[in-house]
PDB file of N, CA and C in Angstrom:
ATOM      1  N   MET A   1     -16.218 -24.564  -8.027  1.00  0.00           N
ATOM      2  CA  MET A   1     -14.824 -24.382  -8.421  1.00  0.00           C
ATOM      3  C   MET A   1     -14.277 -23.088  -7.842  1.00  0.00           C
ATOM      4  N   THR A   2     -15.016 -21.992  -7.953  1.00  0.00           N
ATOM      5  CA  THR A   2     -14.478 -20.725  -7.461  1.00  0.00           C
ATOM      6  C   THR A   2     -14.511 -20.639  -5.944  1.00  0.00           C
ATOM      7  N   GLY A   3     -15.203 -21.572  -5.285  1.00  0.00           N
ATOM      8  CA  GLY A   3     -15.194 -21.599  -3.833  1.00  0.00           C
ATOM      9  C   GLY A   3     -13.969 -22.313  -3.280  1.00  0.00           C
ATOM     10  N   ASP A   4     -13.205 -22.934  -4.142  1.00  0.00           N
ATOM     11  CA  ASP A   4     -12.026 -23.684  -3.738  1.00  0.00           C
ATOM     12  C   ASP A   4     -10.849 -22.724  -3.541  1.00  0.00           C
ATOM     13  N   PRO A   5     -10.245 -22.715  -2.349  1.00  0.00           N
ATOM     14  CA  PRO A   5      -9.102 -21.807  -2.117  1.00  0.00           C
ATOM     15  C   PRO A   5      -7.929 -22.060  -3.070  1.00  0.00           C
ATOM     16  N   LEU A   6      -7.740 -23.314  -3.471  1.00  0.00           N
ATOM     17  CA  LEU A   6      -6.645 -23.625  -4.391  1.00  0.00           C
ATOM     18  C   LEU A   6      -6.847 -22.936  -5.733  1.00  0.00           C
ATOM     19  N   PHE A   7      -8.099 -22.749  -6.136  1.00  0.00           N
ATOM     20  CA  PHE A   7      -8.393 -22.031  -7.380  1.00  0.00           C
ATOM     21  C   PHE A   7      -7.815 -20.615  -7.331  1.00  0.00           C
ATOM     22  N   TYR A   8      -8.001 -19.940  -6.214  1.00  0.00           N
ATOM     23  CA  TYR A   8      -7.489 -18.574  -6.079  1.00  0.00           C
ATOM     24  C   TYR A   8      -5.963 -18.536  -6.023  1.00  0.00           C
ATOM     25  N   ILE A   9      -5.369 -19.557  -5.450  1.00  0.00           N
ATOM     26  CA  ILE A   9      -3.908 -19.651  -5.428  1.00  0.00           C
ATOM     27  C   ILE A   9      -3.381 -19.844  -6.846  1.00  0.00           C
ATOM     28  N   VAL A  10      -4.066 -20.684  -7.633  1.00  0.00           N
ATOM     29  CA  VAL A  10      -3.668 -20.905  -9.027  1.00  0.00           C
ATOM     30  C   VAL A  10      -3.792 -19.610  -9.819  1.00  0.00           C
ATOM     31  N   VAL A  11      -4.902 -18.894  -9.642  1.00  0.00           N
ATOM     32  CA  VAL A  11      -5.091 -17.624 -10.348  1.00  0.00           C
ATOM     33  C   VAL A  11      -3.999 -16.631  -9.964  1.00  0.00           C
ATOM     34  N   ALA A  12      -3.669 -16.559  -8.681  1.00  0.00           N
ATOM     35  CA  ALA A  12      -2.614 -15.650  -8.224  1.00  0.00           C
ATOM     36  C   ALA A  12      -1.266 -16.031  -8.843  1.00  0.00           C
ATOM     37  N   ALA A  13      -0.968 -17.318  -8.911  1.00  0.00           N
ATOM     38  CA  ALA A  13       0.302 -17.766  -9.502  1.00  0.00           C
ATOM     39  C   ALA A  13       0.382 -17.397 -10.977  1.00  0.00           C
ATOM     40  N   VAL A  14      -0.722 -17.558 -11.689  1.00  0.00           N
ATOM     41  CA  VAL A  14      -0.743 -17.197 -13.106  1.00  0.00           C
ATOM     42  C   VAL A  14      -0.568 -15.686 -13.282  1.00  0.00           C
ATOM     43  N   LEU A  15      -1.197 -14.911 -12.413  1.00  0.00           N
ATOM     44  CA  LEU A  15      -1.048 -13.453 -12.494  1.00  0.00           C
ATOM     45  C   LEU A  15       0.385 -13.017 -12.177  1.00  0.00           C
ATOM     46  N   VAL A  16       1.038 -13.719 -11.267  1.00  0.00           N
ATOM     47  CA  VAL A  16       2.448 -13.420 -10.962  1.00  0.00           C
ATOM     48  C   VAL A  16       3.312 -13.680 -12.195  1.00  0.00           C
ATOM     49  N   VAL A  17       3.060 -14.796 -12.867  1.00  0.00           N
ATOM     50  CA  VAL A  17       3.805 -15.092 -14.098  1.00  0.00           C
ATOM     51  C   VAL A  17       3.564 -14.001 -15.134  1.00  0.00           C
ATOM     52  N   LEU A  18       2.323 -13.598 -15.284  1.00  0.00           N
ATOM     53  CA  LEU A  18       1.993 -12.542 -16.243  1.00  0.00           C
ATOM     54  C   LEU A  18       2.689 -11.227 -15.888  1.00  0.00           C
ATOM     55  N   ALA A  19       2.719 -10.891 -14.611  1.00  0.00           N
ATOM     56  CA  ALA A  19       3.375  -9.655 -14.180  1.00  0.00           C
ATOM     57  C   ALA A  19       4.877  -9.698 -14.447  1.00  0.00           C
ATOM     58  N   ILE A  20       5.515 -10.824 -14.136  1.00  0.00           N
ATOM     59  CA  ILE A  20       6.952 -10.959 -14.373  1.00  0.00           C
ATOM     60  C   ILE A  20       7.244 -10.878 -15.869  1.00  0.00           C
ATOM     61  N   LEU A  21       6.416 -11.553 -16.668  1.00  0.00           N
ATOM     62  CA  LEU A  21       6.603 -11.517 -18.116  1.00  0.00           C
ATOM     63  C   LEU A  21       6.458 -10.095 -18.648  1.00  0.00           C
ATOM     64  N   GLY A  22       5.424  -9.395 -18.198  1.00  0.00           N
ATOM     65  CA  GLY A  22       5.217  -8.011 -18.634  1.00  0.00           C
ATOM     66  C   GLY A  22       6.372  -7.106 -18.235  1.00  0.00           C
ATOM     67  N   TYR A  23       6.849  -7.276 -17.012  1.00  0.00           N
ATOM     68  CA  TYR A  23       7.972  -6.472 -16.541  1.00  0.00           C
ATOM     69  C   TYR A  23       9.223  -6.758 -17.365  1.00  0.00           C
ATOM     70  N   GLY A  24       9.441  -8.038 -17.673  1.00  0.00           N
ATOM     71  CA  GLY A  24      10.616  -8.408 -18.466  1.00  0.00           C
ATOM     72  C   GLY A  24      10.548  -7.881 -19.884  1.00  0.00           C
ATOM     73  N   ILE A  25       9.379  -7.975 -20.501  1.00  0.00           N
ATOM     74  CA  ILE A  25       9.220  -7.470 -21.871  1.00  0.00           C
ATOM     75  C   ILE A  25       9.372  -5.954 -21.894  1.00  0.00           C
ATOM     76  N   PHE A  26       8.785  -5.280 -20.913  1.00  0.00           N
ATOM     77  CA  PHE A  26       8.912  -3.823 -20.840  1.00  0.00           C
ATOM     78  C   PHE A  26      10.376  -3.419 -20.668  1.00  0.00           C
ATOM     79  N   GLY A  27      11.086  -4.127 -19.798  1.00  0.00           N
ATOM     80  CA  GLY A  27      12.503  -3.817 -19.567  1.00  0.00           C
ATOM     81  C   GLY A  27      13.346  -4.086 -20.791  1.00  0.00           C
ATOM     82  N   PHE A  28      13.030  -5.154 -21.508  1.00  0.00           N
ATOM     83  CA  PHE A  28      13.759  -5.464 -22.733  1.00  0.00           C
ATOM     84  C   PHE A  28      13.510  -4.397 -23.789  1.00  0.00           C
ATOM     85  N   GLY A  29      12.264  -3.958 -23.899  1.00  0.00           N
ATOM     86  CA  GLY A  29      11.921  -2.923 -24.882  1.00  0.00           C
ATOM     87  C   GLY A  29      12.540  -1.584 -24.542  1.00  0.00           C
ATOM     88  N   ALA A  30      12.727  -1.333 -23.244  1.00  0.00           N
ATOM     89  CA  ALA A  30      13.307  -0.066 -22.813  1.00  0.00           C
ATOM     90  C   ALA A  30      14.826  -0.078 -22.910  1.00  0.00           C
ATOM     91  N   GLY A  31      15.408  -1.234 -23.236  1.00  0.00           N
ATOM     92  CA  GLY A  31      16.859  -1.316 -23.408  1.00  0.00           C
ATOM     93  C   GLY A  31      17.624  -1.391 -22.107  1.00  0.00           C
ATOM     94  N   ARG A  32      17.035  -2.010 -21.106  1.00  0.00           N
ATOM     95  CA  ARG A  32      17.730  -2.164 -19.827  1.00  0.00           C
ATOM     96  C   ARG A  32      18.851  -3.175 -19.944  1.00  0.00           C
ATOM     97  N   ASP A  33      19.574  -3.315 -18.853  1.00  0.00           N
ATOM     98  CA  ASP A  33      20.710  -4.239 -18.765  1.00  0.00           C
ATOM     99  C   ASP A  33      20.282  -5.656 -19.129  1.00  0.00           C
ATOM    100  N   SER A  34      20.999  -6.287 -20.030  1.00  0.00           N
ATOM    101  CA  SER A  34      20.621  -7.628 -20.492  1.00  0.00           C
ATOM    102  C   SER A  34      20.789  -8.671 -19.398  1.00  0.00           C
ATOM    103  N   LYS A  35      21.749  -8.484 -18.488  1.00  0.00           N
ATOM    104  CA  LYS A  35      21.909  -9.430 -17.386  1.00  0.00           C
ATOM    105  C   LYS A  35      20.690  -9.404 -16.474  1.00  0.00           C
ATOM    106  N   LYS A  36      20.187  -8.201 -16.225  1.00  0.00           N
ATOM    107  CA  LYS A  36      18.997  -8.067 -15.382  1.00  0.00           C
ATOM    108  C   LYS A  36      17.781  -8.666 -16.087  1.00  0.00           C
ATOM    109  N   ALA A  37      17.656  -8.444 -17.377  1.00  0.00           N
ATOM    110  CA  ALA A  37      16.539  -8.998 -18.141  1.00  0.00           C
ATOM    111  C   ALA A  37      16.604 -10.521 -18.140  1.00  0.00           C
ATOM    112  N   ASN A  38      17.798 -11.068 -18.241  1.00  0.00           N
ATOM    113  CA  ASN A  38      17.966 -12.518 -18.209  1.00  0.00           C
ATOM    114  C   ASN A  38      17.556 -13.070 -16.846  1.00  0.00           C
ATOM    115  N   LYS A  39      17.918 -12.379 -15.784  1.00  0.00           N
ATOM    116  CA  LYS A  39      17.566 -12.819 -14.435  1.00  0.00           C
ATOM    117  C   LYS A  39      16.050 -12.768 -14.232  1.00  0.00           C
ATOM    118  N   ILE A  40      15.413 -11.750 -14.760  1.00  0.00           N
ATOM    119  CA  ILE A  40      13.956 -11.635 -14.654  1.00  0.00           C
ATOM    120  C   ILE A  40      13.284 -12.791 -15.385  1.00  0.00           C
ATOM    121  N   MET A  41      13.799 -13.151 -16.551  1.00  0.00           N
ATOM    122  CA  MET A  41      13.212 -14.263 -17.290  1.00  0.00           C
ATOM    123  C   MET A  41      13.468 -15.597 -16.586  1.00  0.00           C
ATOM    124  N   GLN A  42      14.576 -15.714 -15.860  1.00  0.00           N
ATOM    125  CA  GLN A  42      14.806 -16.912 -15.065  1.00  0.00           C
ATOM    126  C   GLN A  42      13.758 -17.020 -13.952  1.00  0.00           C
ATOM    127  N   TRP A  43      13.446 -15.883 -13.335  1.00  0.00           N
ATOM    128  CA  TRP A  43      12.397 -15.869 -12.315  1.00  0.00           C
ATOM    129  C   TRP A  43      11.040 -16.220 -12.920  1.00  0.00           C
ATOM    130  N   ARG A  44      10.814 -15.795 -14.157  1.00  0.00           N
ATOM    131  CA  ARG A  44       9.557 -16.120 -14.827  1.00  0.00           C
ATOM    132  C   ARG A  44       9.437 -17.626 -15.039  1.00  0.00           C
ATOM    133  N   ILE A  45      10.519 -18.250 -15.423  1.00  0.00           N
ATOM    134  CA  ILE A  45      10.495 -19.696 -15.650  1.00  0.00           C
ATOM    135  C   ILE A  45      10.192 -20.432 -14.347  1.00  0.00           C
ATOM    136  N   ILE A  46      10.784 -19.987 -13.260  1.00  0.00           N
ATOM    137  CA  ILE A  46      10.525 -20.606 -11.956  1.00  0.00           C
ATOM    138  C   ILE A  46       9.062 -20.405 -11.562  1.00  0.00           C
ATOM    139  N   ALA A  47       8.571 -19.181 -11.705  1.00  0.00           N
ATOM    140  CA  ALA A  47       7.176 -18.892 -11.363  1.00  0.00           C
ATOM    141  C   ALA A  47       6.223 -19.675 -12.261  1.00  0.00           C
ATOM    142  N   GLN A  48       6.583 -19.824 -13.513  1.00  0.00           N
ATOM    143  CA  GLN A  48       5.746 -20.567 -14.454  1.00  0.00           C
ATOM    144  C   GLN A  48       5.719 -22.048 -14.078  1.00  0.00           C
ATOM    145  N   ALA A  49       6.831 -22.604 -13.668  1.00  0.00           N
ATOM    146  CA  ALA A  49       6.867 -24.009 -13.245  1.00  0.00           C
ATOM    147  C   ALA A  49       5.990 -24.222 -12.014  1.00  0.00           C
ATOM    148  N   VAL A  50       6.042 -23.282 -11.076  1.00  0.00           N
ATOM    149  CA  VAL A  50       5.184 -23.369  -9.888  1.00  0.00           C
ATOM    150  C   VAL A  50       3.717 -23.278 -10.292  1.00  0.00           C
ATOM    151  N   ALA A  51       3.392 -22.354 -11.189  1.00  0.00           N
ATOM    152  CA  ALA A  51       2.007 -22.192 -11.637  1.00  0.00           C
ATOM    153  C   ALA A  51       1.505 -23.458 -12.326  1.00  0.00           C
ATOM    154  N   VAL A  52       2.323 -24.057 -13.173  1.00  0.00           N
ATOM    155  CA  VAL A  52       1.925 -25.288 -13.877  1.00  0.00           C
ATOM    156  C   VAL A  52       1.717 -26.419 -12.865  1.00  0.00           C
ATOM    157  N   ALA A  53       2.600 -26.529 -11.884  1.00  0.00           N
ATOM    158  CA  ALA A  53       2.456 -27.566 -10.859  1.00  0.00           C
ATOM    159  C   ALA A  53       1.159 -27.372 -10.075  1.00  0.00           C
ATOM    160  N   LEU A  54       0.836 -26.133  -9.747  1.00  0.00           N
ATOM    161  CA  LEU A  54      -0.408 -25.856  -9.022  1.00  0.00           C
ATOM    162  C   LEU A  54      -1.631 -26.165  -9.880  1.00  0.00           C
ATOM    163  N   ILE A  55      -1.556 -25.840 -11.168  1.00  0.00           N
ATOM    164  CA  ILE A  55      -2.667 -26.156 -12.074  1.00  0.00           C
ATOM    165  C   ILE A  55      -2.869 -27.663 -12.143  1.00  0.00           C
ATOM    166  N   LEU A  56      -1.783 -28.412 -12.280  1.00  0.00           N
ATOM    167  CA  LEU A  56      -1.887 -29.871 -12.323  1.00  0.00           C
ATOM    168  C   LEU A  56      -2.450 -30.428 -11.022  1.00  0.00           C
ATOM    169  N   LEU A  57      -2.034 -29.885  -9.888  1.00  0.00           N
ATOM    170  CA  LEU A  57      -2.570 -30.304  -8.598  1.00  0.00           C
ATOM    171  C   LEU A  57      -4.062 -30.011  -8.515  1.00  0.00           C
ATOM    172  N   PHE A  58      -4.458 -28.844  -8.962  1.00  0.00           N
ATOM    173  CA  PHE A  58      -5.871 -28.465  -8.946  1.00  0.00           C
ATOM    174  C   PHE A  58      -6.696 -29.414  -9.807  1.00  0.00           C
ATOM    175  N   VAL A  59      -6.223 -29.686 -11.008  1.00  0.00           N
ATOM    176  CA  VAL A  59      -6.942 -30.590 -11.917  1.00  0.00           C
ATOM    177  C   VAL A  59      -7.010 -31.993 -11.323  1.00  0.00           C
ATOM    178  N   TYR A  60      -5.917 -32.456 -10.749  1.00  0.00           N
ATOM    179  CA  TYR A  60      -5.901 -33.786 -10.139  1.00  0.00           C
ATOM    180  C   TYR A  60      -6.914 -33.876  -8.995  1.00  0.00           C
ATOM    181  N   LEU A  61      -6.896 -32.879  -8.112  1.00  0.00           N
ATOM    182  CA  LEU A  61      -7.819 -32.915  -6.986  1.00  0.00           C
ATOM    183  C   LEU A  61      -9.274 -32.827  -7.441  1.00  0.00           C
ATOM    184  N   ARG A  62      -9.531 -32.045  -8.479  1.00  0.00           N
ATOM    185  CA  ARG A  62     -10.899 -31.942  -9.008  1.00  0.00           C
ATOM    186  C   ARG A  62     -11.326 -33.267  -9.628  1.00  0.00           C
ATOM    187  N   SER A  63     -10.423 -33.954 -10.297  1.00  0.00           N
ATOM    188  CA  SER A  63     -10.781 -35.223 -10.933  1.00  0.00           C
ATOM    189  C   SER A  63     -11.027 -36.316  -9.895  1.00  0.00           C
ATOM    190  N   GLN A  64     -10.430 -36.178  -8.720  1.00  0.00           N
ATOM    191  CA  GLN A  64     -10.626 -37.146  -7.652  1.00  0.00           C
ATOM    192  C   GLN A  64     -11.883 -36.860  -6.837  1.00  0.00           C
ATOM    193  N   GLY A  65     -12.494 -35.714  -7.095  1.00  0.00           N
ATOM    194  CA  GLY A  65     -13.674 -35.321  -6.341  1.00  0.00           C
ATOM    195  C   GLY A  65     -13.348 -34.824  -4.944  1.00  0.00           C
ATOM    196  N   THR A  66     -12.090 -34.490  -4.741  1.00  0.00           N
ATOM    197  CA  THR A  66     -11.641 -34.001  -3.441  1.00  0.00           C
ATOM    198  C   THR A  66     -11.740 -32.492  -3.408  1.00  0.00           C
ATOM    199  N   ASP A  67     -12.314 -31.983  -2.345  1.00  0.00           N
ATOM    200  CA  ASP A  67     -12.377 -30.536  -2.159  1.00  0.00           C
ATOM    201  C   ASP A  67     -11.172 -30.116  -1.339  1.00  0.00           C
ATOM    202  N   ALA A  68     -10.291 -29.314  -1.927  1.00  0.00           N
ATOM    203  CA  ALA A  68      -9.050 -28.907  -1.245  1.00  0.00           C
ATOM    204  C   ALA A  68      -9.336 -27.927  -0.115  1.00  0.00           C
ATOM    205  N   GLY A  69     -10.519 -27.372  -0.045  1.00  0.00           N
ATOM    206  CA  GLY A  69     -10.821 -26.371   0.965  1.00  0.00           C
ATOM    207  C   GLY A  69     -11.568 -26.855   2.079  1.00  0.00           C
TER     208      GLY A  69
END
């Protein structure tokens, strides 16, 4: 599993979502501009959708016995 390049792409996508979420929460707690905070959370939703799609692709390929690498 960890030898599969798609696994590392999925991990990177999840970490990007985590980073965006952390940045947004930190900005909200610091009292930054609400429009900017809203835009950051919109980016988080997009990144999260990409991460979920990649996770589903990874699971599908693993269930088919196909090695993506």
